[in-house]
Structures are given as structure tokens and as C-alpha cells.
Amino acid sequence: SEPLAWPPVPAQAASLLEEAADLLVLHRDFAAAVERCEAGCDSLGTGTSTGTGPGPESSAAEVKCSLCVVGIQALAEMNRWREVLSWVLQYYHVPEHLPPKVLELCFLLYSKVREPQVMLEVGSSWLRDQSNKSLPEYGSLLELYLLHVLLPLGRFEGAEELVRGCEVFDSQQQLAFLGTICESRCQWTQQEEMHSAAEEQQEEATESVLGALSQKLLTMLTLLRRALRSMSSHFYLLPYKKMLLATFLLYLVVVRLDPASPTSLPFIYKLVQLFRQAWAAVFSPVHRPPIQD
């Protein structure tokens, strides 16, 4: 018997898949590969089933999954990994409908870029779905979720509950996973203790530096206060009245009087005398020692 031909729409999507794969692997044109993948997924529409049974729906689902796999790889090559999850969900809409291969790639990708928290809720929703528990890939995906999402995030209690409530694992597998969780918890605790000790040492060093700086600042402020006090006490002894009188006489001489006139000479002589007295008061010692014979 002749093999059944694909309907026109899956055939078009399959052709786009081949083009996208060639662009990804052979030509290394990642942007064009993403465009072909998007065109192929759009041609399949939103009603594509994710089932694995024979028939046109399963073929379309496989083509759609392959298009998403190629698109994920192309986005990762362009360092656009932040867009991967939202890009995939625009074709599957909810995390529970993600194909196992697509979910596996997302787990590995976000673990590699050290962003496992992105897959925390997505993986939990997929694993809680009853229809996904019957899939043969369920156990391997649960293991990936434990090792690449929960344990790196320190979600040890949630990991233990997930392992104990999993019907796919037998007793030996559960014990092995629980041992892995316990070992990871111990490593996490040691790292936290080392991190806390390093932070304490850094805080002590910072406090010592700040203490030395504050002591120097306090010394400088004390010296500055003494200097200001000395200057203020010295300025209090200045002959302000004489200075004002000298300024006034200077105003009269320069503005009102003619310095070349003989009548201005007494005023100029008086002004010079006042300036000499002010100069001596400013630049002479405040307390003169008594003169003894």
C-alpha cells in the first residue's frame, strides 16, 4: 500500500521546516531560520494537537514541535535566549501543552544561562498536569526539573515533596533522588556559611576603615574649631571704630577732597595714622609680654 500523503498545510509546514534546518545548520543564518519557523507554525494554526497517535494531527504536532526546536536553537545562537519561553508559548499558549522535547530544551537552556527561575512555574504546571503524567518522557523531565531548576534555586522541600509524590519513580529511585537532594542541601548550607563569613569579614574591614576615617575627621574638626576660636577671639580685638573711621576718611579724601590741595593734607595725615594703628593691631601679638628692665 502507498503511504498516506500529508494534507497541504502540514506539507507546507514541513517544507518550511527543511528550509529552517538548512538555514540553521548549513548557512548559519539564524534570523532567517527563525522567520521560517514562525511561518511554519503560523501555517499550522492554533488547533494543532499535541497527541502522539497516528494520523494527520500527530504529524502536524511533530512538525510544529520540530519547528519550535529549530527556532529555540536559532534564538539561542543569536543570544536571544530571554525570548525563548515567550516565543514558544505564543504557539502553545499554556505550559501544560508544551511538547516534552521543547520543555527539555527550555530546561537545559535556562539552566545553562543561570536563569533557572524562569522555568520554575512553567515546569511545575507541566508536571502537575494529569495528561502529561502518562507520557513516557515524564520521568526524565521531572529529573531535569529537580536537577536544573529546584536544586539550583534551593527549593529542597519542594523537591522532596515532588519526589515522594511521584508515582513514576520506584522506591530505589526515590531514595537516590532524596540522597541527591540531601547532598545538595548540605552544599548549599556550606556555601551560605562561607558567604556569610565573607560578608562579616568585609563588614569588619569596612567598619575599621570607617572608624579610622571618622577619627581623622574628628581630629581635623577639632583643629578647625580651635583655629576658628582663635581667629574669632583675635577679630574681637580689632579696632573696628578706627577701621570705619579710616574708611570714611579715605572716602572723603578720594571722593570729596582733592589730594593735591593743601587743605587735604591734615586729613591724609590723619588717615595714614589710623591705618598704621589698625595695621599694628591686626598683625601684632594679642598679648604683649611685659617689658622688664
Protein backbone atom coordinates (compact mmCIF):
# COMPACT_ATOMS: atom_id res chain seq x y z
CA SER A 1 0.00 0.00 0.00
CA GLU A 2 1.15 3.54 -0.74
CA PRO A 3 1.98 5.79 2.25
CA LEU A 4 -0.59 8.37 3.17
CA ALA A 5 0.23 11.85 1.93
CA TRP A 6 0.20 14.75 4.34
CA PRO A 7 -2.50 17.36 3.98
CA PRO A 8 -1.45 20.55 2.18
CA VAL A 9 -0.93 22.61 5.35
CA PRO A 10 1.42 20.14 7.14
CA ALA A 11 3.26 19.67 3.85
CA GLN A 12 3.86 23.41 3.64
CA ALA A 13 5.00 23.47 7.27
CA ALA A 14 7.32 20.53 6.63
CA SER A 15 8.88 22.37 3.68
CA LEU A 16 9.45 25.41 5.86
CA LEU A 17 10.97 23.15 8.50
CA GLU A 18 13.50 21.84 5.99
CA GLU A 19 14.39 25.35 4.93
CA ALA A 20 14.80 26.45 8.55
CA ALA A 21 17.04 23.49 9.33
CA ASP A 22 19.24 24.24 6.31
CA LEU A 23 19.50 27.90 7.28
CA LEU A 24 20.42 26.94 10.85
CA VAL A 25 22.99 24.23 10.15
CA LEU A 26 24.41 24.95 6.71
CA HIS A 27 24.09 28.69 6.15
CA ARG A 28 24.18 29.82 9.80
CA ASP A 29 21.52 32.40 9.01
CA PHE A 30 19.74 32.29 12.36
CA ALA A 31 17.38 35.20 11.80
CA ALA A 32 16.09 33.68 8.56
CA ALA A 33 15.72 30.31 10.31
CA VAL A 34 13.53 31.91 12.97
CA GLU A 35 11.39 33.53 10.29
CA ARG A 36 10.84 30.15 8.56
CA CYS A 37 9.91 28.56 11.87
CA GLU A 38 7.40 31.29 12.61
CA ALA A 39 5.88 30.98 9.16
CA GLY A 40 5.59 27.21 9.57
CA CYS A 41 3.94 27.47 12.99
CA ASP A 42 1.54 30.11 11.71
CA SER A 43 0.56 27.85 8.80
CA LEU A 44 -0.35 25.10 11.24
CA GLY A 45 -2.68 27.37 13.17
CA THR A 46 -3.62 27.17 16.87
CA GLY A 47 -5.64 23.97 16.73
CA THR A 48 -2.70 21.59 16.31
CA SER A 49 -2.97 18.67 18.67
CA THR A 50 -0.07 17.54 20.83
CA GLY A 51 -1.07 13.91 20.74
CA THR A 52 1.25 11.11 19.71
CA GLY A 53 -1.21 8.85 17.97
CA PRO A 54 -1.11 8.13 14.20
CA GLY A 55 -2.83 10.45 11.78
CA PRO A 56 -2.58 13.91 10.32
CA GLU A 57 -2.93 15.63 13.72
CA SER A 58 0.06 13.78 15.16
CA SER A 59 2.10 14.60 12.05
CA ALA A 60 1.24 18.27 12.33
CA ALA A 61 2.12 18.20 16.04
CA GLU A 62 5.51 16.65 15.28
CA VAL A 63 6.23 19.24 12.60
CA LYS A 64 5.22 22.05 14.94
CA CYS A 65 7.42 20.66 17.70
CA SER A 66 10.38 20.39 15.30
CA LEU A 67 9.83 23.95 14.11
CA CYS A 68 9.93 25.15 17.73
CA VAL A 69 13.11 23.14 18.41
CA VAL A 70 14.88 24.73 15.42
CA GLY A 71 13.58 28.16 16.45
CA ILE A 72 14.87 27.73 20.00
CA GLN A 73 18.32 26.78 18.75
CA ALA A 74 18.39 29.74 16.35
CA LEU A 75 17.35 32.20 19.08
CA ALA A 76 19.99 30.79 21.41
CA GLU A 77 22.65 31.20 18.72
CA MET A 78 21.69 34.87 18.41
CA ASN A 79 21.89 35.27 22.20
CA ARG A 80 18.18 35.97 22.33
CA TRP A 81 17.55 33.30 24.93
CA ARG A 82 15.37 35.66 27.00
CA GLU A 83 12.75 35.48 24.24
CA VAL A 84 12.64 31.69 24.02
CA LEU A 85 9.90 30.93 26.52
CA SER A 86 7.56 33.69 25.38
CA TRP A 87 8.27 32.79 21.75
CA VAL A 88 7.28 29.17 22.35
CA LEU A 89 4.21 29.98 24.42
CA GLN A 90 2.76 32.11 21.66
CA TYR A 91 2.23 28.86 19.73
CA TYR A 92 1.26 26.58 22.65
CA HIS A 93 -0.40 29.25 24.85
CA VAL A 94 -0.12 27.35 28.17
CA PRO A 95 2.84 25.49 29.71
CA GLU A 96 0.82 22.26 30.07
CA HIS A 97 0.66 21.90 26.28
CA LEU A 98 4.39 22.17 25.65
CA PRO A 99 5.85 19.07 23.97
CA PRO A 100 8.40 17.17 26.08
CA LYS A 101 11.26 17.93 23.69
CA VAL A 102 10.54 21.66 23.78
CA LEU A 103 10.30 21.65 27.58
CA GLU A 104 13.55 19.73 27.82
CA LEU A 105 15.37 22.28 25.68
CA CYS A 106 13.97 25.12 27.79
CA PHE A 107 15.16 23.43 31.00
CA LEU A 108 18.68 22.98 29.62
CA LEU A 109 18.88 26.43 28.05
CA TYR A 110 17.83 28.45 31.09
CA SER A 111 19.99 26.29 33.30
CA LYS A 112 23.00 26.97 31.07
CA VAL A 113 22.49 30.73 31.22
CA ARG A 114 21.99 30.51 35.02
CA GLU A 115 18.38 31.66 34.97
CA PRO A 116 16.53 28.58 36.30
CA GLN A 117 13.84 30.67 37.99
CA VAL A 118 12.32 31.32 34.57
CA MET A 119 11.26 27.68 34.36
CA LEU A 120 10.07 27.33 37.95
CA GLU A 121 6.34 27.89 37.42
CA VAL A 122 6.34 26.52 33.87
CA GLY A 123 7.87 23.22 34.92
CA SER A 124 5.61 22.92 37.95
CA SER A 125 2.49 23.48 35.84
CA TRP A 126 3.58 20.93 33.26
CA LEU A 127 4.44 18.27 35.84
CA ARG A 128 1.16 18.71 37.74
CA ASP A 129 -0.94 18.15 34.60
CA GLN A 130 -2.57 14.70 34.70
CA SER A 131 -2.34 14.13 30.95
CA ASN A 132 1.41 14.70 31.00
CA LYS A 133 2.00 12.11 33.73
CA SER A 134 1.14 9.34 31.29
CA LEU A 135 3.84 10.39 28.80
CA PRO A 136 6.99 8.24 28.66
CA GLU A 137 9.19 11.34 28.98
CA TYR A 138 7.60 12.36 32.28
CA GLY A 139 10.26 10.77 34.49
CA SER A 140 13.22 12.26 32.62
CA LEU A 141 11.61 15.71 32.61
CA LEU A 142 10.91 15.50 36.33
CA GLU A 143 14.57 14.64 36.88
CA LEU A 144 15.66 17.61 34.79
CA TYR A 145 13.31 19.84 36.76
CA LEU A 146 14.82 18.65 40.02
CA LEU A 147 18.47 18.93 38.99
CA HIS A 148 18.35 22.08 36.87
CA VAL A 149 15.60 24.15 38.48
CA LEU A 150 14.67 23.24 42.05
CA LEU A 151 18.07 22.35 43.48
CA PRO A 152 19.97 25.35 42.00
CA LEU A 153 17.29 27.60 43.48
CA GLY A 154 17.46 25.95 46.91
CA ARG A 155 13.89 24.63 46.77
CA PHE A 156 14.74 21.49 48.75
CA GLU A 157 11.40 20.98 50.48
CA GLY A 158 9.53 21.25 47.21
CA ALA A 159 11.93 18.79 45.61
CA GLU A 160 11.41 16.26 48.39
CA GLU A 161 7.63 16.56 48.14
CA LEU A 162 7.78 16.14 44.37
CA VAL A 163 9.93 13.01 44.63
CA ARG A 164 7.82 11.38 47.35
CA GLY A 165 4.60 12.11 45.47
CA CYS A 166 5.86 10.86 42.12
CA GLU A 167 4.38 7.53 41.07
CA VAL A 168 6.82 7.10 38.20
CA PHE A 169 9.82 6.50 40.47
CA ASP A 170 10.17 3.27 42.40
CA SER A 171 11.47 3.14 45.97
CA GLN A 172 15.13 2.87 44.95
CA GLN A 173 14.88 5.80 42.60
CA GLN A 174 13.15 7.85 45.27
CA LEU A 175 15.90 7.07 47.77
CA ALA A 176 18.55 8.00 45.22
CA PHE A 177 16.88 11.31 44.47
CA LEU A 178 16.34 12.05 48.16
CA GLY A 179 20.04 11.41 48.76
CA THR A 180 20.92 13.80 45.97
CA ILE A 181 18.64 16.42 47.49
CA CYS A 182 20.22 15.97 50.93
CA GLU A 183 23.71 16.29 49.49
CA SER A 184 22.73 19.41 47.59
CA ARG A 185 21.22 20.87 50.78
CA CYS A 186 24.49 20.34 52.64
CA GLN A 187 26.49 22.00 49.88
CA TRP A 188 24.04 24.89 49.84
CA THR A 189 24.39 25.32 53.62
CA GLN A 190 28.18 25.31 53.42
CA GLN A 191 28.14 27.90 50.66
CA GLU A 192 25.77 30.08 52.67
CA GLU A 193 28.03 29.84 55.72
CA MET A 194 31.10 30.74 53.66
CA HIS A 195 29.23 33.61 52.07
CA SER A 196 28.09 34.87 55.48
CA ALA A 197 31.63 34.66 56.86
CA ALA A 198 32.98 36.59 53.88
CA GLU A 199 30.30 39.25 54.35
CA GLU A 200 31.15 39.56 58.05
CA GLN A 201 34.85 39.99 57.27
CA GLN A 202 34.03 42.61 54.69
CA GLU A 203 31.79 44.45 57.14
CA GLU A 204 34.51 44.38 59.82
CA ALA A 205 37.07 45.73 57.36
CA THR A 206 34.66 48.43 56.28
CA GLU A 207 33.93 49.37 59.89
CA SER A 208 37.66 49.58 60.70
CA VAL A 209 38.28 51.83 57.70
CA LEU A 210 35.30 54.00 58.57
CA GLY A 211 36.48 54.16 62.17
CA ALA A 212 39.93 55.37 61.12
CA LEU A 213 38.40 57.91 58.77
CA SER A 214 35.99 59.14 61.42
CA GLN A 215 38.87 59.51 63.88
CA LYS A 216 40.86 61.56 61.37
CA LEU A 217 37.80 63.63 60.59
CA LEU A 218 37.20 64.25 64.28
CA THR A 219 40.81 65.39 64.73
CA MET A 220 40.54 67.73 61.76
CA LEU A 221 37.29 69.19 63.08
CA THR A 222 38.86 69.74 66.48
CA LEU A 223 41.82 71.58 64.96
CA LEU A 224 39.49 73.60 62.78
CA ARG A 225 37.36 74.58 65.78
CA ARG A 226 40.45 75.71 67.69
CA ALA A 227 41.62 77.76 64.71
CA LEU A 228 38.22 79.38 64.31
CA ARG A 229 38.04 80.11 68.02
CA SER A 230 41.48 81.70 67.91
CA MET A 231 40.59 83.73 64.84
CA SER A 232 37.32 84.88 66.37
CA SER A 233 38.99 85.92 69.60
CA HIS A 234 41.58 87.78 67.56
CA PHE A 235 38.97 89.53 65.43
CA TYR A 236 37.13 90.64 68.55
CA LEU A 237 40.19 92.74 69.48
CA LEU A 238 40.33 94.61 66.16
CA PRO A 239 39.69 98.39 66.40
CA TYR A 240 36.51 98.39 64.37
CA LYS A 241 35.78 102.03 65.07
CA LYS A 242 39.19 103.10 63.86
CA MET A 243 38.83 100.98 60.74
CA LEU A 244 35.45 102.54 59.99
CA LEU A 245 36.80 105.99 60.59
CA ALA A 246 39.74 105.30 58.29
CA THR A 247 37.41 104.08 55.59
CA PHE A 248 35.25 107.16 55.95
CA LEU A 249 38.26 109.46 55.76
CA LEU A 250 39.50 107.58 52.71
CA TYR A 251 36.12 108.18 51.11
CA LEU A 252 36.36 111.88 51.89
CA VAL A 253 39.87 112.16 50.52
CA VAL A 254 39.25 110.24 47.31
CA VAL A 255 35.73 111.39 46.54
CA ARG A 256 35.11 114.72 48.25
CA LEU A 257 38.58 116.25 48.52
CA ASP A 258 41.37 116.95 46.14
CA PRO A 259 44.55 115.15 47.29
CA ALA A 260 46.71 117.78 45.60
CA SER A 261 45.10 120.59 47.58
CA PRO A 262 47.00 121.86 50.69
CA THR A 263 43.80 121.73 52.70
CA SER A 264 43.63 117.96 52.25
CA LEU A 265 46.97 117.27 53.89
CA PRO A 266 45.67 117.12 57.52
CA PHE A 267 43.05 114.61 56.54
CA ILE A 268 45.58 112.47 54.65
CA TYR A 269 47.96 112.60 57.61
CA LYS A 270 45.19 111.53 59.97
CA LEU A 271 44.20 108.72 57.61
CA VAL A 272 47.76 107.36 57.47
CA GLN A 273 47.94 107.43 61.24
CA LEU A 274 44.68 105.47 61.58
CA PHE A 275 45.81 102.85 59.05
CA ARG A 276 49.11 102.40 60.88
CA GLN A 277 47.31 101.85 64.15
CA ALA A 278 44.91 99.32 62.54
CA TRP A 279 47.79 97.52 60.85
CA ALA A 280 49.68 97.26 64.12
CA ALA A 281 46.58 95.95 65.89
CA VAL A 282 45.97 93.26 63.28
CA PHE A 283 49.48 91.93 62.79
CA SER A 284 50.91 92.41 66.27
CA PRO A 285 50.66 89.79 69.07
CA VAL A 286 47.47 89.85 71.06
CA HIS A 287 49.17 89.63 74.42
CA ARG A 288 52.39 91.58 74.61
CA PRO A 289 54.80 90.37 77.31
CA PRO A 290 55.66 92.98 79.92
CA ILE A 291 58.94 94.79 79.38
CA GLN A 292 61.28 94.39 82.33
CA ASP A 293 64.44 96.31 82.93
